[in-house]
Amino acid sequence: MACLLSSPLGCKDTDAADRLESARKREVKLEKKLSKLKDQVETLTIERDALVIQHETEQGCRKQVIGSLTAYGGPEGPHAEVTARVAAQALTLLERRVAKRKAGEKLAIVLDVDETALDNFEQLKGSGFCFVREQWDQWVKTGKPEVVAGMKRLYDYARAHKVAVVFITGRREHQREATERVLRAAGFDVWEELVLRDEAENELTAAEYKSGRRAKLEERGFKIALTLGDQASDLAGGHAEHAVLMPNPFYHVD
């Protein structure tokens, strides 16, 4: 009321001053928010740049790893030579065991399939050495793996000396027909048994599954002179006189 008594314009001046002061306060708040946003933008920019560098570094390292694995396992690489050398050592162990064989003794060797008897390098290289279930399943159906260097000689010796050959693979039971196809195509055309995982074994670790299957062979009266695999889990758990680890720098299975 005081402003109305003193001057008809007094209230307007007061309202204008109040609005100006309020606007200044809002401006200060907005400036503080803007400053925080600028700090956040700067932080995010730094983090983005770091992630870009990390991604480029990881991609560069991955290319180096792929290049190294490709060179090692390719036709000019040393993988076949190294593998053949290990297979020859396994053959020597088997020859010595056969020489000590007792009358009526049922000897057997147990072989893993992938990267032990069969070489899937073409599929591994094509997938960038990454396991993708759909790609692997398609390869199992239609692929044409090679023979792992040195393994055919070991197989032939076992067959010639009446040593039972048993394949124990992590492949699934529904892949039996495709697995038999590629084994026969590679020259492994006769076996005592081809063991694939059934549904009841899907929850087992690789070591539990494979050692359990070797134990069943022993229950049938076999002496397992030798077991070969490219993973430590192929060999763990015992139930074999000798265990030989085949070289595989391409992947690891627990």
Protein backbone atom coordinates (compact mmCIF):
# COMPACT_ATOMS: atom_id res chain seq x y z
CA MET A 1 0.00 0.00 0.00
CA ALA A 2 2.93 2.36 0.72
CA CYS A 3 3.98 2.40 -2.92
CA LEU A 4 0.42 3.29 -3.98
CA LEU A 5 0.32 6.25 -1.64
CA SER A 6 3.69 7.63 -2.57
CA SER A 7 3.59 7.14 -6.33
CA PRO A 8 1.47 5.29 -8.89
CA LEU A 9 4.70 4.02 -10.48
CA GLY A 10 6.35 2.94 -7.25
CA CYS A 11 4.97 -0.62 -7.25
CA LYS A 12 6.05 -1.19 -10.82
CA ASP A 13 9.60 -0.12 -9.98
CA THR A 14 9.66 -2.46 -7.01
CA ASP A 15 8.28 -5.40 -9.01
CA ALA A 16 10.81 -4.79 -11.73
CA ALA A 17 13.65 -4.75 -9.21
CA ASP A 18 12.41 -7.99 -7.66
CA ARG A 19 12.18 -9.66 -11.04
CA LEU A 20 15.65 -8.48 -11.94
CA GLU A 21 17.07 -9.83 -8.71
CA SER A 22 15.28 -13.14 -9.24
CA ALA A 23 16.61 -13.30 -12.80
CA ARG A 24 20.15 -12.68 -11.54
CA LYS A 25 19.81 -15.47 -9.01
CA ARG A 26 18.58 -17.85 -11.71
CA GLU A 27 21.46 -16.76 -13.90
CA VAL A 28 23.95 -17.59 -11.15
CA LYS A 29 22.35 -21.03 -10.69
CA LEU A 30 22.38 -21.67 -14.43
CA GLU A 31 26.02 -20.60 -14.65
CA LYS A 32 26.87 -23.08 -11.89
CA LYS A 33 24.94 -25.84 -13.69
CA LEU A 34 26.62 -24.90 -16.95
CA SER A 35 30.02 -25.07 -15.28
CA LYS A 36 29.21 -28.54 -13.92
CA LEU A 37 27.98 -29.66 -17.33
CA LYS A 38 31.16 -28.37 -18.94
CA ASP A 39 33.19 -30.36 -16.39
CA GLN A 40 31.09 -33.44 -17.10
CA VAL A 41 31.51 -32.99 -20.85
CA GLU A 42 35.25 -32.64 -20.39
CA THR A 43 35.37 -35.78 -18.23
CA LEU A 44 33.26 -37.75 -20.70
CA THR A 45 35.44 -36.56 -23.56
CA ILE A 46 38.55 -37.76 -21.74
CA GLU A 47 36.88 -41.12 -20.99
CA ARG A 48 35.72 -41.45 -24.59
CA ASP A 49 39.18 -40.74 -25.93
CA ALA A 50 40.63 -43.30 -23.49
CA LEU A 51 38.10 -45.92 -24.61
CA VAL A 52 38.90 -45.20 -28.26
CA ILE A 53 42.61 -45.69 -27.56
CA GLN A 54 41.88 -48.86 -25.58
CA HIS A 55 39.68 -50.23 -28.36
CA GLU A 56 42.29 -49.46 -31.02
CA THR A 57 44.97 -51.07 -28.85
CA GLU A 58 42.86 -54.18 -28.25
CA GLN A 59 42.04 -54.44 -31.94
CA GLY A 60 45.69 -54.07 -32.81
CA CYS A 61 46.67 -56.73 -30.28
CA ARG A 62 43.93 -59.04 -31.54
CA LYS A 63 45.22 -58.68 -35.10
CA GLN A 64 48.69 -59.55 -33.85
CA VAL A 65 47.38 -62.64 -32.03
CA ILE A 66 45.38 -63.78 -35.06
CA GLY A 67 48.40 -63.18 -37.28
CA SER A 68 50.64 -65.17 -34.95
CA LEU A 69 48.23 -68.10 -34.66
CA THR A 70 47.65 -68.10 -38.42
CA ALA A 71 51.39 -68.14 -39.09
CA TYR A 72 51.98 -70.88 -36.51
CA GLY A 73 49.21 -73.17 -37.68
CA GLY A 74 49.28 -72.43 -41.39
CA PRO A 75 50.93 -74.55 -44.09
CA GLU A 76 54.27 -72.80 -43.64
CA GLY A 77 54.10 -72.79 -39.85
CA PRO A 78 55.74 -75.15 -37.35
CA HIS A 79 52.55 -76.57 -35.80
CA ALA A 80 52.47 -79.72 -37.94
CA GLU A 81 56.13 -80.45 -37.26
CA VAL A 82 55.72 -79.99 -33.50
CA THR A 83 52.58 -82.11 -33.45
CA ALA A 84 54.20 -84.88 -35.46
CA ARG A 85 57.08 -84.94 -33.00
CA VAL A 86 54.72 -85.37 -30.03
CA ALA A 87 52.76 -88.08 -31.88
CA ALA A 88 56.05 -89.89 -32.55
CA GLN A 89 56.82 -89.82 -28.82
CA ALA A 90 53.38 -91.30 -28.15
CA LEU A 91 54.07 -94.01 -30.72
CA THR A 92 57.32 -94.90 -28.97
CA LEU A 93 55.45 -95.27 -25.67
CA LEU A 94 52.91 -97.54 -27.34
CA GLU A 95 55.58 -99.66 -29.02
CA ARG A 96 57.28 -100.23 -25.67
CA ARG A 97 54.00 -101.14 -24.04
CA VAL A 98 53.07 -103.58 -26.81
CA ALA A 99 56.47 -105.23 -26.44
CA LYS A 100 55.66 -105.92 -22.76
CA ARG A 101 52.14 -107.12 -23.44
CA LYS A 102 51.02 -110.18 -21.51
CA ALA A 103 49.14 -113.03 -23.13
CA GLY A 104 45.46 -112.23 -23.44
CA GLU A 105 45.89 -108.63 -22.31
CA LYS A 106 43.37 -106.26 -23.88
CA LEU A 107 45.27 -103.08 -24.70
CA ALA A 108 43.61 -99.85 -25.83
CA ILE A 109 44.50 -96.30 -26.69
CA VAL A 110 42.08 -93.42 -26.16
CA LEU A 111 42.13 -90.49 -28.56
CA ASP A 112 40.37 -87.18 -28.42
CA VAL A 113 38.97 -86.10 -31.80
CA ASP A 114 39.32 -82.36 -32.42
CA GLU A 115 42.89 -81.05 -32.55
CA THR A 116 44.10 -84.53 -31.59
CA ALA A 117 43.01 -86.79 -34.45
CA LEU A 118 41.39 -84.14 -36.65
CA ASP A 119 42.82 -80.74 -37.50
CA ASN A 120 40.16 -77.99 -37.67
CA PHE A 121 42.56 -75.17 -38.49
CA GLU A 122 40.50 -74.03 -41.48
CA GLN A 123 37.47 -73.45 -39.25
CA LEU A 124 39.52 -71.88 -36.46
CA LYS A 125 41.13 -69.40 -38.82
CA GLY A 126 37.82 -68.60 -40.50
CA SER A 127 36.21 -67.76 -37.15
CA GLY A 128 39.11 -65.56 -36.06
CA PHE A 129 39.95 -68.20 -33.45
CA CYS A 130 36.73 -67.38 -31.59
CA PHE A 131 34.25 -70.06 -30.61
CA VAL A 132 30.78 -69.36 -31.98
CA ARG A 133 28.42 -72.27 -31.39
CA GLU A 134 26.45 -71.84 -34.63
CA GLN A 135 29.59 -71.66 -36.76
CA TRP A 136 31.12 -74.67 -35.05
CA ASP A 137 27.96 -76.76 -35.41
CA GLN A 138 27.84 -75.94 -39.11
CA TRP A 139 31.48 -76.97 -39.50
CA VAL A 140 30.77 -80.27 -37.74
CA LYS A 141 27.99 -80.92 -40.26
CA THR A 142 29.77 -79.93 -43.46
CA GLY A 143 33.45 -79.28 -42.74
CA LYS A 144 36.39 -81.28 -44.02
CA PRO A 145 39.08 -81.31 -41.33
CA GLU A 146 42.59 -82.54 -42.02
CA VAL A 147 44.46 -85.26 -40.15
CA VAL A 148 46.63 -84.05 -37.28
CA ALA A 149 50.23 -84.64 -38.28
CA GLY A 150 51.61 -87.94 -37.00
CA MET A 151 48.33 -89.33 -35.70
CA LYS A 152 47.56 -91.63 -38.63
CA ARG A 153 50.84 -93.43 -38.07
CA LEU A 154 49.98 -93.99 -34.40
CA TYR A 155 46.50 -95.18 -35.33
CA ASP A 156 47.81 -97.56 -37.98
CA TYR A 157 50.32 -99.06 -35.55
CA ALA A 158 47.61 -99.65 -32.96
CA ARG A 159 45.37 -101.33 -35.51
CA ALA A 160 48.19 -103.51 -36.84
CA HIS A 161 49.06 -104.72 -33.33
CA LYS A 162 45.49 -105.38 -32.22
CA VAL A 163 45.36 -102.43 -29.83
CA ALA A 164 41.77 -101.21 -29.54
CA VAL A 165 41.26 -97.59 -30.62
CA VAL A 166 38.65 -95.63 -28.69
CA PHE A 167 37.69 -92.07 -29.53
CA ILE A 168 36.29 -89.97 -26.68
CA THR A 169 35.16 -86.55 -27.82
CA GLY A 170 33.37 -83.58 -26.34
CA ARG A 171 31.09 -83.52 -29.37
CA ARG A 172 27.44 -84.23 -28.63
CA GLU A 173 25.62 -87.46 -29.33
CA HIS A 174 23.44 -85.83 -32.00
CA GLN A 175 26.65 -85.16 -33.97
CA ARG A 176 27.57 -88.84 -34.21
CA GLU A 177 26.81 -89.31 -37.93
CA ALA A 178 28.81 -86.21 -38.93
CA THR A 179 31.69 -87.24 -36.66
CA GLU A 180 31.82 -90.74 -38.10
CA ARG A 181 31.86 -89.22 -41.59
CA VAL A 182 34.92 -87.04 -41.00
CA LEU A 183 36.82 -89.71 -39.08
CA ARG A 184 36.40 -92.20 -41.91
CA ALA A 185 37.27 -89.57 -44.50
CA ALA A 186 40.50 -88.90 -42.60
CA GLY A 187 41.42 -92.60 -42.62
CA PHE A 188 40.29 -93.48 -39.09
CA ASP A 189 37.77 -95.96 -40.41
CA VAL A 190 37.75 -98.62 -37.67
CA TRP A 191 37.41 -98.15 -33.93
CA GLU A 192 36.44 -100.11 -30.86
CA GLU A 193 34.14 -97.33 -29.74
CA LEU A 194 33.31 -93.72 -30.56
CA VAL A 195 32.14 -91.99 -27.40
CA LEU A 196 30.20 -88.71 -27.60
CA ARG A 197 28.57 -86.84 -24.73
CA ASP A 198 25.01 -87.85 -24.04
CA GLU A 199 22.41 -85.64 -22.33
CA ALA A 200 23.13 -87.09 -18.90
CA GLU A 201 26.79 -85.98 -19.17
CA ASN A 202 26.22 -82.37 -20.22
CA GLU A 203 26.65 -81.05 -16.68
CA LEU A 204 29.97 -82.81 -16.14
CA THR A 205 33.29 -81.07 -16.65
CA ALA A 206 35.41 -82.33 -19.54
CA ALA A 207 37.75 -84.04 -17.09
CA GLU A 208 34.91 -85.77 -15.24
CA TYR A 209 33.26 -86.91 -18.45
CA LYS A 210 36.39 -88.26 -20.11
CA SER A 211 37.97 -89.89 -17.08
CA GLY A 212 34.62 -91.49 -16.27
CA ARG A 213 34.45 -92.97 -19.75
CA ARG A 214 37.99 -94.31 -19.46
CA ALA A 215 37.03 -95.91 -16.16
CA LYS A 216 34.19 -97.71 -17.94
CA LEU A 217 36.66 -99.07 -20.48
CA GLU A 218 38.75 -100.45 -17.64
CA GLU A 219 35.64 -102.08 -16.19
CA ARG A 220 35.29 -103.89 -19.52
CA GLY A 221 38.77 -105.34 -19.07
CA PHE A 222 40.83 -102.93 -21.18
CA LYS A 223 44.27 -101.74 -20.16
CA ILE A 224 44.53 -98.19 -21.45
CA ALA A 225 48.15 -97.97 -22.51
CA LEU A 226 47.87 -94.43 -23.74
CA THR A 227 45.46 -91.51 -23.82
CA LEU A 228 46.01 -88.47 -26.02
CA GLY A 229 44.30 -85.10 -26.05
CA ASP A 230 45.01 -81.47 -26.80
CA GLN A 231 43.59 -80.21 -23.48
CA ALA A 232 44.74 -80.95 -19.95
CA SER A 233 41.10 -81.75 -19.20
CA ASP A 234 41.27 -84.54 -21.81
CA LEU A 235 43.88 -86.30 -19.71
CA ALA A 236 43.01 -85.45 -16.11
CA GLY A 237 41.50 -87.99 -13.75
CA GLY A 238 43.74 -90.99 -14.42
CA HIS A 239 42.58 -94.33 -15.84
CA ALA A 240 45.48 -94.52 -18.32
CA GLU A 241 49.05 -95.72 -18.04
CA HIS A 242 50.42 -92.81 -20.05
CA ALA A 243 48.90 -89.45 -20.97
CA VAL A 244 50.22 -87.32 -23.85
CA LEU A 245 49.23 -83.70 -24.37
CA MET A 246 49.07 -82.66 -28.02
CA PRO A 247 50.07 -79.06 -28.89
CA ASN A 248 47.12 -76.67 -29.20
CA PRO A 249 47.78 -72.92 -28.84
CA PHE A 250 44.44 -72.05 -30.46
CA TYR A 251 41.93 -72.53 -27.63
CA HIS A 252 41.48 -73.83 -24.10
CA VAL A 253 38.79 -76.07 -22.63
CA ASP A 254 38.39 -76.39 -18.84
